[in-house]
Amino acid sequence: MGLRELKKQRTFDAVSSIAIAMFLDRGFDQVSVSDIAAAAEISKPTLFRYFAAKEDLVLHRFADHAGEPARVVAARAAGQSPLDALQQHFIAGLLRRDPVTGLNDTPEVLAFHDLVFSTPSLATRVHEYQSRDEQSLATALLPTTPTSPAAAPLEPDPLAARLAAAQILAVQRVLARENWRRLAAGESAETLAPTAIEAADRAFTQLRTGLP
């Protein structure tokens, strides 16, 4: 990264950190873009060169995870099924306390989660991220979801791929939200971890075997 890009990244990170701190302190809807620009000592036009919308000041933290399920499927080991790769990736996230799995009880992470999901405009944007992930995962799964009528060659089934992507990501969301719920109720991530891992194993097994 060149000096100019490094300076731009530092400004980007600093403005976002200032904005998130203000949102956590006063609430998302109670802080204006003008307030953030003043606190960061930049102009509003400059702020909007870094962030297209107010919500992006918060949700850029999700950017590293955008499209992640599809990337996991594409990068899986030879002979490994997509579902096995995604299960392995989710459990690895639990073990390293990745916030996206819900199993992180750092106070700042819990507060950030509460901010996002208690603010309608932010929650709506998260849903848009999830919808794009579902579409990209369905594309990655398409070659692995063939339909096989008797005596006919196997052909990829777009509907089966979309259904599989929706089910897999729904399972991950439910697992993460359950982890968040239990942490918010007072459990620690360390204590909850074995239960969270066991729940993930059961959930992915249910995906493989279907509803009872």
C-alpha atoms as a PDB file:
ATOM      1  CA  MET A   1       0.000   0.000   0.000  1.00  0.00           C
ATOM      2  CA  GLY A   2       1.405   3.367  -1.042  1.00  0.00           C
ATOM      3  CA  LEU A   3       1.585   6.390   1.249  1.00  0.00           C
ATOM      4  CA  ARG A   4      -1.530   7.954  -0.260  1.00  0.00           C
ATOM      5  CA  GLU A   5      -3.549   4.753   0.081  1.00  0.00           C
ATOM      6  CA  LEU A   6      -2.278   4.251   3.628  1.00  0.00           C
ATOM      7  CA  LYS A   7      -3.338   7.769   4.605  1.00  0.00           C
ATOM      8  CA  LYS A   8      -6.753   7.212   3.035  1.00  0.00           C
ATOM      9  CA  GLN A   9      -7.200   3.924   4.922  1.00  0.00           C
ATOM     10  CA  ARG A  10      -6.225   5.563   8.207  1.00  0.00           C
ATOM     11  CA  THR A  11      -8.765   8.332   7.635  1.00  0.00           C
ATOM     12  CA  PHE A  12     -11.400   5.768   6.702  1.00  0.00           C
ATOM     13  CA  ASP A  13     -10.770   3.767   9.881  1.00  0.00           C
ATOM     14  CA  ALA A  14     -10.618   6.843  12.097  1.00  0.00           C
ATOM     15  CA  VAL A  15     -13.884   8.319  10.814  1.00  0.00           C
ATOM     16  CA  SER A  16     -15.663   4.986  11.182  1.00  0.00           C
ATOM     17  CA  SER A  17     -14.379   4.536  14.736  1.00  0.00           C
ATOM     18  CA  ILE A  18     -15.499   8.037  15.687  1.00  0.00           C
ATOM     19  CA  ALA A  19     -18.941   7.433  14.163  1.00  0.00           C
ATOM     20  CA  ILE A  20     -19.453   4.063  15.853  1.00  0.00           C
ATOM     21  CA  ALA A  21     -18.417   5.487  19.228  1.00  0.00           C
ATOM     22  CA  MET A  22     -20.965   8.289  18.787  1.00  0.00           C
ATOM     23  CA  PHE A  23     -23.694   5.865  17.710  1.00  0.00           C
ATOM     24  CA  LEU A  24     -23.040   3.620  20.710  1.00  0.00           C
ATOM     25  CA  ASP A  25     -23.127   6.583  23.050  1.00  0.00           C
ATOM     26  CA  ARG A  26     -26.158   8.419  21.667  1.00  0.00           C
ATOM     27  CA  GLY A  27     -27.963   6.062  19.286  1.00  0.00           C
ATOM     28  CA  PHE A  28     -27.743   5.783  15.509  1.00  0.00           C
ATOM     29  CA  ASP A  29     -30.712   8.012  14.741  1.00  0.00           C
ATOM     30  CA  GLN A  30     -29.631  10.685  17.224  1.00  0.00           C
ATOM     31  CA  VAL A  31     -26.292  11.316  15.493  1.00  0.00           C
ATOM     32  CA  SER A  32     -26.219  13.178  12.190  1.00  0.00           C
ATOM     33  CA  VAL A  33     -23.635  12.979   9.446  1.00  0.00           C
ATOM     34  CA  SER A  34     -22.828  16.629  10.231  1.00  0.00           C
ATOM     35  CA  ASP A  35     -22.113  15.655  13.836  1.00  0.00           C
ATOM     36  CA  ILE A  36     -19.712  12.944  12.697  1.00  0.00           C
ATOM     37  CA  ALA A  37     -17.951  15.187  10.180  1.00  0.00           C
ATOM     38  CA  ALA A  38     -17.457  17.853  12.851  1.00  0.00           C
ATOM     39  CA  ALA A  39     -16.092  15.332  15.353  1.00  0.00           C
ATOM     40  CA  ALA A  40     -13.724  13.919  12.715  1.00  0.00           C
ATOM     41  CA  GLU A  41     -12.714  17.440  11.634  1.00  0.00           C
ATOM     42  CA  ILE A  42     -13.619  16.880   8.008  1.00  0.00           C
ATOM     43  CA  SER A  43     -16.324  18.256   5.732  1.00  0.00           C
ATOM     44  CA  LYS A  44     -19.521  16.384   4.885  1.00  0.00           C
ATOM     45  CA  PRO A  45     -18.503  16.089   1.206  1.00  0.00           C
ATOM     46  CA  THR A  46     -15.200  14.551   2.317  1.00  0.00           C
ATOM     47  CA  LEU A  47     -17.027  12.095   4.584  1.00  0.00           C
ATOM     48  CA  PHE A  48     -19.264  11.015   1.712  1.00  0.00           C
ATOM     49  CA  ARG A  49     -16.193  10.380  -0.454  1.00  0.00           C
ATOM     50  CA  TYR A  50     -15.286   7.665   2.045  1.00  0.00           C
ATOM     51  CA  PHE A  51     -18.774   6.402   2.907  1.00  0.00           C
ATOM     52  CA  ALA A  52     -21.663   6.438   0.447  1.00  0.00           C
ATOM     53  CA  ALA A  53     -24.318   6.376   3.196  1.00  0.00           C
ATOM     54  CA  LYS A  54     -24.545   6.851   6.939  1.00  0.00           C
ATOM     55  CA  GLU A  55     -25.124   3.117   7.428  1.00  0.00           C
ATOM     56  CA  ASP A  56     -21.807   2.349   5.719  1.00  0.00           C
ATOM     57  CA  LEU A  57     -19.983   3.990   8.627  1.00  0.00           C
ATOM     58  CA  VAL A  58     -21.071   0.958  10.652  1.00  0.00           C
ATOM     59  CA  LEU A  59     -21.551  -1.858   8.181  1.00  0.00           C
ATOM     60  CA  HIS A  60     -18.221  -1.655   6.387  1.00  0.00           C
ATOM     61  CA  ARG A  61     -17.098  -3.969   9.209  1.00  0.00           C
ATOM     62  CA  PHE A  62     -19.113  -6.699   7.481  1.00  0.00           C
ATOM     63  CA  ALA A  63     -17.275  -6.172   4.203  1.00  0.00           C
ATOM     64  CA  ASP A  64     -14.600  -8.795   4.906  1.00  0.00           C
ATOM     65  CA  HIS A  65     -17.335 -11.424   5.295  1.00  0.00           C
ATOM     66  CA  ALA A  66     -19.285 -10.445   2.171  1.00  0.00           C
ATOM     67  CA  GLY A  67     -19.373 -13.425  -0.184  1.00  0.00           C
ATOM     68  CA  GLU A  68     -17.500 -15.579   2.333  1.00  0.00           C
ATOM     69  CA  PRO A  69     -19.701 -18.720   2.050  1.00  0.00           C
ATOM     70  CA  ALA A  70     -19.199 -18.850  -1.712  1.00  0.00           C
ATOM     71  CA  ARG A  71     -15.446 -18.394  -1.271  1.00  0.00           C
ATOM     72  CA  VAL A  72     -15.351 -21.245   1.246  1.00  0.00           C
ATOM     73  CA  VAL A  73     -17.101 -23.555  -1.216  1.00  0.00           C
ATOM     74  CA  ALA A  74     -14.834 -22.509  -4.084  1.00  0.00           C
ATOM     75  CA  ALA A  75     -11.676 -23.051  -2.022  1.00  0.00           C
ATOM     76  CA  ARG A  76     -12.644 -26.368  -0.437  1.00  0.00           C
ATOM     77  CA  ALA A  77     -10.242 -29.294  -0.527  1.00  0.00           C
ATOM     78  CA  ALA A  78     -10.441 -31.823  -3.317  1.00  0.00           C
ATOM     79  CA  GLY A  79     -13.091 -34.407  -2.523  1.00  0.00           C
ATOM     80  CA  GLN A  80     -14.612 -32.312   0.275  1.00  0.00           C
ATOM     81  CA  SER A  81     -18.328 -31.563   0.008  1.00  0.00           C
ATOM     82  CA  PRO A  82     -19.536 -27.950   0.147  1.00  0.00           C
ATOM     83  CA  LEU A  83     -21.502 -28.678   3.319  1.00  0.00           C
ATOM     84  CA  ASP A  84     -18.471 -30.212   5.036  1.00  0.00           C
ATOM     85  CA  ALA A  85     -16.364 -27.189   4.079  1.00  0.00           C
ATOM     86  CA  LEU A  86     -18.948 -24.744   5.397  1.00  0.00           C
ATOM     87  CA  GLN A  87     -19.380 -26.683   8.641  1.00  0.00           C
ATOM     88  CA  GLN A  88     -15.624 -26.793   9.169  1.00  0.00           C
ATOM     89  CA  HIS A  89     -15.380 -23.049   8.479  1.00  0.00           C
ATOM     90  CA  PHE A  90     -18.207 -22.179  10.885  1.00  0.00           C
ATOM     91  CA  ILE A  91     -16.734 -24.267  13.700  1.00  0.00           C
ATOM     92  CA  ALA A  92     -13.307 -22.738  13.091  1.00  0.00           C
ATOM     93  CA  GLY A  93     -15.002 -19.358  13.507  1.00  0.00           C
ATOM     94  CA  LEU A  94     -16.473 -20.469  16.812  1.00  0.00           C
ATOM     95  CA  LEU A  95     -13.058 -21.589  18.032  1.00  0.00           C
ATOM     96  CA  ARG A  96     -11.445 -18.253  17.196  1.00  0.00           C
ATOM     97  CA  ARG A  97     -14.446 -16.328  18.579  1.00  0.00           C
ATOM     98  CA  ASP A  98     -15.263 -14.702  15.250  1.00  0.00           C
ATOM     99  CA  PRO A  99     -18.052 -12.171  15.988  1.00  0.00           C
ATOM    100  CA  VAL A 100     -19.975 -13.349  12.912  1.00  0.00           C
ATOM    101  CA  THR A 101     -20.635 -16.664  14.721  1.00  0.00           C
ATOM    102  CA  GLY A 102     -22.137 -14.851  17.691  1.00  0.00           C
ATOM    103  CA  LEU A 103     -19.620 -16.395  20.078  1.00  0.00           C
ATOM    104  CA  ASN A 104     -17.735 -13.291  21.203  1.00  0.00           C
ATOM    105  CA  ASP A 105     -18.463 -11.676  24.547  1.00  0.00           C
ATOM    106  CA  THR A 106     -16.106  -8.719  24.253  1.00  0.00           C
ATOM    107  CA  PRO A 107     -18.208  -5.780  25.558  1.00  0.00           C
ATOM    108  CA  GLU A 108     -17.488  -3.671  22.464  1.00  0.00           C
ATOM    109  CA  VAL A 109     -18.576  -6.516  20.169  1.00  0.00           C
ATOM    110  CA  LEU A 110     -21.798  -7.095  22.125  1.00  0.00           C
ATOM    111  CA  ALA A 111     -22.577  -3.377  22.045  1.00  0.00           C
ATOM    112  CA  PHE A 112     -21.902  -3.244  18.292  1.00  0.00           C
ATOM    113  CA  HIS A 113     -24.236  -6.198  17.729  1.00  0.00           C
ATOM    114  CA  ASP A 114     -26.986  -4.530  19.758  1.00  0.00           C
ATOM    115  CA  LEU A 115     -26.527  -1.308  17.782  1.00  0.00           C
ATOM    116  CA  VAL A 116     -26.859  -3.077  14.427  1.00  0.00           C
ATOM    117  CA  PHE A 117     -29.861  -5.244  15.208  1.00  0.00           C
ATOM    118  CA  SER A 118     -31.768  -2.655  17.243  1.00  0.00           C
ATOM    119  CA  THR A 119     -31.533  -0.053  14.454  1.00  0.00           C
ATOM    120  CA  PRO A 120     -34.038  -0.780  11.652  1.00  0.00           C
ATOM    121  CA  SER A 121     -32.041   0.832   8.846  1.00  0.00           C
ATOM    122  CA  LEU A 122     -28.901  -1.085   9.818  1.00  0.00           C
ATOM    123  CA  ALA A 123     -30.769  -4.381  10.204  1.00  0.00           C
ATOM    124  CA  THR A 124     -32.299  -3.855   6.759  1.00  0.00           C
ATOM    125  CA  ARG A 125     -28.869  -3.335   5.236  1.00  0.00           C
ATOM    126  CA  VAL A 126     -27.586  -6.494   6.947  1.00  0.00           C
ATOM    127  CA  HIS A 127     -30.464  -8.367   5.327  1.00  0.00           C
ATOM    128  CA  GLU A 128     -29.297  -7.041   1.944  1.00  0.00           C
ATOM    129  CA  TYR A 129     -25.790  -8.374   2.648  1.00  0.00           C
ATOM    130  CA  GLN A 130     -27.311 -11.732   3.534  1.00  0.00           C
ATOM    131  CA  SER A 131     -29.385 -11.819   0.352  1.00  0.00           C
ATOM    132  CA  ARG A 132     -26.289 -11.214  -1.769  1.00  0.00           C
ATOM    133  CA  ASP A 133     -24.432 -13.945   0.110  1.00  0.00           C
ATOM    134  CA  GLU A 134     -27.312 -16.307  -0.580  1.00  0.00           C
ATOM    135  CA  GLN A 135     -27.184 -15.546  -4.295  1.00  0.00           C
ATOM    136  CA  SER A 136     -23.415 -15.979  -4.542  1.00  0.00           C
ATOM    137  CA  LEU A 137     -23.512 -19.201  -2.534  1.00  0.00           C
ATOM    138  CA  ALA A 138     -26.244 -20.597  -4.789  1.00  0.00           C
ATOM    139  CA  THR A 139     -24.026 -19.891  -7.791  1.00  0.00           C
ATOM    140  CA  ALA A 140     -21.096 -21.661  -6.102  1.00  0.00           C
ATOM    141  CA  LEU A 141     -23.310 -24.644  -5.246  1.00  0.00           C
ATOM    142  CA  LEU A 142     -24.939 -24.953  -8.653  1.00  0.00           C
ATOM    143  CA  PRO A 143     -22.497 -27.513 -10.124  1.00  0.00           C
ATOM    144  CA  THR A 144     -22.927 -29.703  -7.018  1.00  0.00           C
ATOM    145  CA  THR A 145     -26.739 -29.837  -7.005  1.00  0.00           C
ATOM    146  CA  PRO A 146     -27.711 -32.000  -9.979  1.00  0.00           C
ATOM    147  CA  THR A 147     -31.120 -33.367 -10.742  1.00  0.00           C
ATOM    148  CA  SER A 148     -31.115 -36.960 -11.898  1.00  0.00           C
ATOM    149  CA  PRO A 149     -34.299 -38.286 -13.464  1.00  0.00           C
ATOM    150  CA  ALA A 150     -34.107 -41.931 -14.498  1.00  0.00           C
ATOM    151  CA  ALA A 151     -31.989 -42.642 -17.540  1.00  0.00           C
ATOM    152  CA  ALA A 152     -31.153 -38.934 -18.016  1.00  0.00           C
ATOM    153  CA  PRO A 153     -27.750 -37.231 -17.713  1.00  0.00           C
ATOM    154  CA  LEU A 154     -27.141 -35.178 -14.590  1.00  0.00           C
ATOM    155  CA  GLU A 155     -27.863 -31.484 -15.035  1.00  0.00           C
ATOM    156  CA  PRO A 156     -27.299 -28.693 -12.500  1.00  0.00           C
ATOM    157  CA  ASP A 157     -30.517 -27.654 -10.778  1.00  0.00           C
ATOM    158  CA  PRO A 158     -30.703 -23.875 -10.090  1.00  0.00           C
ATOM    159  CA  LEU A 159     -33.700 -24.221  -7.769  1.00  0.00           C
ATOM    160  CA  ALA A 160     -31.967 -26.909  -5.715  1.00  0.00           C
ATOM    161  CA  ALA A 161     -28.894 -24.663  -5.435  1.00  0.00           C
ATOM    162  CA  ARG A 162     -30.982 -21.694  -4.258  1.00  0.00           C
ATOM    163  CA  LEU A 163     -32.835 -23.836  -1.718  1.00  0.00           C
ATOM    164  CA  ALA A 164     -29.578 -25.290  -0.415  1.00  0.00           C
ATOM    165  CA  ALA A 165     -27.972 -21.848  -0.084  1.00  0.00           C
ATOM    166  CA  ALA A 166     -31.005 -20.481   1.757  1.00  0.00           C
ATOM    167  CA  GLN A 167     -31.088 -23.406   4.177  1.00  0.00           C
ATOM    168  CA  ILE A 168     -27.359 -23.324   4.929  1.00  0.00           C
ATOM    169  CA  LEU A 169     -27.228 -19.588   5.587  1.00  0.00           C
ATOM    170  CA  ALA A 170     -30.426 -19.715   7.653  1.00  0.00           C
ATOM    171  CA  VAL A 171     -28.835 -22.361   9.869  1.00  0.00           C
ATOM    172  CA  GLN A 172     -25.738 -20.211  10.354  1.00  0.00           C
ATOM    173  CA  ARG A 173     -27.854 -17.153  11.211  1.00  0.00           C
ATOM    174  CA  VAL A 174     -29.940 -19.073  13.756  1.00  0.00           C
ATOM    175  CA  LEU A 175     -26.825 -20.503  15.385  1.00  0.00           C
ATOM    176  CA  ALA A 176     -25.198 -17.070  15.591  1.00  0.00           C
ATOM    177  CA  ARG A 177     -28.301 -15.373  16.976  1.00  0.00           C
ATOM    178  CA  GLU A 178     -28.692 -18.102  19.607  1.00  0.00           C
ATOM    179  CA  ASN A 179     -25.100 -17.560  20.681  1.00  0.00           C
ATOM    180  CA  TRP A 180     -25.672 -13.797  20.912  1.00  0.00           C
ATOM    181  CA  ARG A 181     -28.856 -14.343  22.894  1.00  0.00           C
ATOM    182  CA  ARG A 182     -27.149 -16.544  25.448  1.00  0.00           C
ATOM    183  CA  LEU A 183     -24.208 -14.194  25.831  1.00  0.00           C
ATOM    184  CA  ALA A 184     -26.573 -11.265  26.314  1.00  0.00           C
ATOM    185  CA  ALA A 185     -28.317 -13.274  29.038  1.00  0.00           C
ATOM    186  CA  GLY A 186     -25.060 -13.493  30.956  1.00  0.00           C
ATOM    187  CA  GLU A 187     -23.227 -16.613  29.790  1.00  0.00           C
ATOM    188  CA  SER A 188     -19.548 -16.338  28.880  1.00  0.00           C
ATOM    189  CA  ALA A 189     -18.146 -17.293  25.503  1.00  0.00           C
ATOM    190  CA  GLU A 190     -15.731 -19.698  27.167  1.00  0.00           C
ATOM    191  CA  THR A 191     -18.520 -21.551  28.977  1.00  0.00           C
ATOM    192  CA  LEU A 192     -20.849 -21.525  25.981  1.00  0.00           C
ATOM    193  CA  ALA A 193     -18.272 -22.683  23.405  1.00  0.00           C
ATOM    194  CA  PRO A 194     -18.695 -26.475  23.815  1.00  0.00           C
ATOM    195  CA  THR A 195     -22.480 -26.163  23.605  1.00  0.00           C
ATOM    196  CA  ALA A 196     -22.215 -23.865  20.574  1.00  0.00           C
ATOM    197  CA  ILE A 197     -19.944 -26.303  18.757  1.00  0.00           C
ATOM    198  CA  GLU A 198     -22.232 -29.237  19.556  1.00  0.00           C
ATOM    199  CA  ALA A 199     -25.244 -27.249  18.342  1.00  0.00           C
ATOM    200  CA  ALA A 200     -23.439 -26.453  15.079  1.00  0.00           C
ATOM    201  CA  ASP A 201     -22.621 -30.132  14.553  1.00  0.00           C
ATOM    202  CA  ARG A 202     -26.271 -31.075  15.123  1.00  0.00           C
ATOM    203  CA  ALA A 203     -27.510 -28.326  12.834  1.00  0.00           C
ATOM    204  CA  PHE A 204     -25.280 -29.361   9.942  1.00  0.00           C
ATOM    205  CA  THR A 205     -26.216 -33.005  10.487  1.00  0.00           C
ATOM    206  CA  GLN A 206     -29.851 -31.998  10.176  1.00  0.00           C
ATOM    207  CA  LEU A 207     -29.033 -30.251   6.918  1.00  0.00           C
ATOM    208  CA  ARG A 208     -27.525 -33.472   5.593  1.00  0.00           C
ATOM    209  CA  THR A 209     -30.318 -35.778   6.715  1.00  0.00           C
ATOM    210  CA  GLY A 210     -33.354 -33.547   6.312  1.00  0.00           C
ATOM    211  CA  LEU A 211     -36.143 -32.775   8.727  1.00  0.00           C
ATOM    212  CA  PRO A 212     -37.216 -35.631  11.016  1.00  0.00           C
END
